[in-house]
Protein backbone atom coordinates (compact mmCIF):
# COMPACT_ATOMS: atom_id res chain seq x y z
CA MET A 1 24.17 5.04 13.22
CA LYS A 2 22.22 7.23 10.99
CA ILE A 3 19.74 4.73 8.18
CA VAL A 4 18.40 6.89 5.65
CA LEU A 5 15.17 5.18 4.61
CA VAL A 6 13.64 6.41 0.85
CA HIS A 7 10.83 6.31 -0.79
CA HIS A 8 11.54 5.63 -4.20
CA GLY A 9 10.53 8.15 -7.03
CA GLU A 10 6.91 8.10 -8.94
CA VAL A 11 5.44 4.97 -10.56
CA GLU A 12 4.69 4.75 -13.69
CA GLU A 13 1.47 3.61 -13.18
CA PRO A 14 -0.54 2.73 -10.09
CA TRP A 15 -1.11 -0.76 -8.62
CA LEU A 16 -4.57 -1.99 -9.91
CA PRO A 17 -5.35 -4.35 -7.71
CA GLU A 18 -7.87 -5.99 -9.62
CA MET A 19 -5.03 -7.37 -12.08
CA GLY A 20 -2.60 -8.07 -9.06
CA HIS A 21 1.14 -6.11 -8.49
CA ALA A 22 2.61 -4.71 -11.85
CA ASN A 23 6.02 -3.99 -10.93
CA PRO A 24 5.26 -0.79 -12.35
CA SER A 25 8.90 1.57 -13.01
CA LEU A 26 9.51 4.88 -12.79
CA SER A 27 8.18 7.56 -14.47
CA VAL A 28 9.51 10.43 -15.69
CA HIS A 29 9.15 12.31 -12.92
CA GLY A 30 10.08 9.59 -10.77
CA LEU A 31 13.32 9.44 -11.91
CA HIS A 32 13.70 13.40 -11.40
CA GLN A 33 12.84 12.62 -8.25
CA ALA A 34 15.87 9.88 -7.18
CA GLU A 35 17.98 12.59 -9.45
CA ALA A 36 16.98 14.72 -6.71
CA LEU A 37 17.36 11.97 -3.97
CA ALA A 38 21.12 10.96 -5.04
CA GLY A 39 22.15 14.78 -5.22
CA GLU A 40 20.80 15.18 -1.75
CA LEU A 41 22.21 12.00 -0.35
CA LEU A 42 25.70 13.34 -2.21
CA ALA A 43 25.75 17.17 -0.75
CA ALA A 44 25.51 15.06 2.70
CA SER A 45 28.43 12.98 1.99
CA HIS A 46 30.47 16.36 1.08
CA ARG A 47 29.24 17.37 4.63
CA GLY A 48 30.83 14.42 6.47
CA GLN A 49 27.36 11.77 6.27
CA GLU A 50 29.35 9.38 4.21
CA ILE A 51 27.36 6.38 3.24
CA GLN A 52 29.05 3.12 3.13
CA ALA A 53 26.29 0.98 1.15
CA VAL A 54 22.31 0.86 -0.64
CA TYR A 55 20.26 -1.58 -0.26
CA SER A 56 17.08 -1.68 -1.78
CA SER A 57 13.91 -4.02 -2.63
CA ALA A 58 14.27 -6.33 -5.86
CA MET A 59 11.01 -3.85 -7.45
CA GLU A 60 12.00 -2.12 -10.01
CA SER A 61 10.46 1.45 -9.06
CA ALA A 62 13.18 0.60 -6.06
CA SER A 63 15.90 -1.20 -7.40
CA VAL A 64 16.22 2.13 -10.21
CA THR A 65 16.17 4.81 -7.68
CA ALA A 66 18.72 2.67 -5.81
CA GLU A 67 20.73 2.68 -8.62
CA VAL A 68 20.57 6.68 -9.30
CA ILE A 69 21.84 6.73 -5.89
CA CYS A 70 24.55 4.42 -5.62
CA ALA A 71 25.63 5.95 -9.79
CA ALA A 72 26.02 9.41 -7.70
CA LEU A 73 27.73 8.20 -4.51
CA GLU A 74 30.21 6.39 -6.41
CA LEU A 75 29.15 3.13 -4.64
CA PRO A 76 28.66 -0.78 -6.26
CA LEU A 77 25.06 -1.14 -7.27
CA PRO A 78 22.62 -1.18 -4.31
CA GLU A 79 22.34 -5.23 -2.57
CA LEU A 80 18.71 -6.07 -3.66
CA ARG A 81 17.57 -7.61 -0.07
CA GLU A 82 13.64 -9.83 0.65
CA GLU A 83 13.44 -8.24 3.06
CA LEU A 84 12.73 -4.49 2.02
CA GLY A 85 9.92 -5.56 -0.33
CA THR A 86 6.06 -4.95 0.22
CA LEU A 87 2.63 -6.35 0.42
CA THR A 88 1.89 -7.38 -2.97
CA PRO A 89 -1.13 -9.83 -3.74
CA GLU A 90 0.68 -12.69 -4.91
CA VAL A 91 2.55 -12.89 -1.25
CA LEU A 92 -0.16 -11.27 0.77
CA PRO A 93 -1.30 -13.94 3.01
CA GLU A 94 -5.14 -15.10 2.92
CA ASP A 95 -5.97 -13.17 6.35
CA GLY A 96 -3.80 -10.27 5.42
CA GLY A 97 -4.43 -7.66 7.73
CA ILE A 98 -2.88 -6.58 10.20
CA ASP A 99 -0.68 -9.93 10.88
CA ALA A 100 0.90 -9.38 7.54
CA LEU A 101 1.40 -5.72 8.04
CA THR A 102 3.02 -7.45 11.44
CA LEU A 103 5.55 -10.14 9.73
CA LEU A 104 6.44 -7.03 7.09
CA GLN A 105 7.53 -4.87 9.87
CA GLU A 106 9.46 -7.74 12.18
CA ARG A 107 11.15 -9.02 8.52
CA ALA A 108 12.85 -5.34 7.51
CA TRP A 109 13.20 -4.24 10.93
CA SER A 110 15.10 -7.78 11.79
CA PHE A 111 17.03 -6.56 8.34
CA ILE A 112 18.18 -2.97 10.32
CA GLU A 113 18.86 -4.62 13.32
CA GLN A 114 21.30 -7.48 11.47
CA LEU A 115 22.97 -4.45 9.82
CA ARG A 116 23.21 -2.15 12.64
CA ASP A 117 24.52 -5.53 14.70
CA ALA A 118 26.97 -6.20 12.38
CA ASN A 119 28.90 -2.72 11.60
CA GLU A 120 29.87 0.22 13.82
CA LEU A 121 27.54 3.04 14.87
CA SER A 122 29.84 5.56 12.67
CA MET A 123 28.59 4.08 9.33
CA ASN A 124 25.77 5.07 7.49
CA PHE A 125 23.49 3.51 5.24
CA VAL A 126 20.64 3.87 2.47
CA LEU A 127 17.61 1.73 2.64
CA VAL A 128 15.32 2.58 -0.73
CA THR A 129 11.59 0.88 -0.37
CA HIS A 130 8.70 0.95 -0.85
CA GLU A 131 5.58 3.42 1.28
CA LEU A 132 3.76 0.33 3.65
CA THR A 133 7.69 -0.87 4.40
CA LEU A 134 8.81 2.43 5.47
CA ARG A 135 5.52 2.86 6.98
CA ALA A 136 6.12 -0.22 8.94
CA LEU A 137 9.57 0.58 10.13
CA ILE A 138 8.69 4.29 11.13
CA CYS A 139 5.95 3.08 13.12
CA ARG A 140 8.30 0.13 15.17
CA ALA A 141 11.37 2.93 15.30
CA LEU A 142 8.57 5.47 16.98
CA GLY A 143 6.83 2.80 19.12
CA MET A 144 3.58 3.20 17.70
CA SER A 145 0.79 0.50 16.21
CA LEU A 146 0.47 -0.31 12.80
CA LYS A 147 -2.96 0.99 12.68
CA ASP A 148 -1.66 4.30 13.20
CA LEU A 149 0.42 3.87 9.99
CA ARG A 150 -1.35 6.89 8.48
CA ARG A 151 -0.88 9.66 10.79
CA PHE A 152 2.40 10.78 8.96
CA ARG A 153 2.77 11.49 5.18
CA LEU A 154 5.42 9.87 3.40
CA ASP A 155 5.73 11.20 -0.44
CA PRO A 156 7.36 9.48 -3.28
CA GLY A 157 11.31 10.48 -3.47
CA SER A 158 10.95 11.37 0.36
CA LEU A 159 13.78 10.70 3.20
CA SER A 160 12.92 9.60 6.00
CA THR A 161 15.92 8.94 9.18
CA LEU A 162 16.93 6.82 12.28
CA GLU A 163 20.04 7.15 13.85
CA PHE A 164 20.95 4.18 16.18
CA ARG A 165 23.03 5.53 19.55
CA ARG A 166 24.43 4.02 22.42
CA ALA A 167 23.23 5.30 26.01
CA PRO A 168 25.76 6.11 28.86
CA ASN A 169 23.88 3.14 30.37
CA GLY A 170 24.61 0.90 27.74
CA ASP A 171 20.72 0.66 26.00
CA MET A 172 20.67 1.33 22.29
CA ARG A 173 18.39 4.38 21.20
CA THR A 174 16.38 4.71 17.81
CA THR A 175 15.75 7.91 17.05
CA VAL A 176 13.37 9.16 14.16
CA THR A 177 15.64 12.34 12.74
CA THR A 178 14.00 13.36 9.99
CA LEU A 179 10.78 12.14 8.34
CA ASN A 180 8.97 12.64 4.82
CA GLU A 181 12.17 15.07 4.39
CA VAL A 182 11.21 16.55 0.48
CA CYS A 183 13.13 19.88 -0.12
CA HIS A 184 15.58 18.10 -2.27
CA LEU A 185 12.39 17.78 -4.47
CA GLU A 186 11.77 21.29 -4.69
């Protein structure tokens, strides 16, 4: 099973901490990134890596990116999932910090496990979400501490891929096969 992790396209206005989270929309450049992502996923589908479904955070930057991908792949609209959200001032626990990141990671990874366990390992899915959520998921897949989540790059409009395979002894193996793939943006 492949799960393609998509970092939504560039947004118009970044989050302004003193004003809370504005749920920004994609910039014009971000929309072009979403179209390039969709083209890349369509090309992969034609190479035999058909996508069965797209799931997205409900925030506008992710959901619009996901809708563009679904349109190109001729799939139904993305399923919006709370588990793919990110930390914003409105939902950040008072203690903040690593505990909040751990909860974010557990929530998103739990969704991946549900998806993996409910489907054949030959299926492929796309998850469109936010940088922090993606960093937490990739750390989990690599067995890295969340304290190291800034040790790799994740650009807007990038693709990263998790692959799940069953080992000969029956154990499930998780591999990060691509990280911050941006060739489709050039």
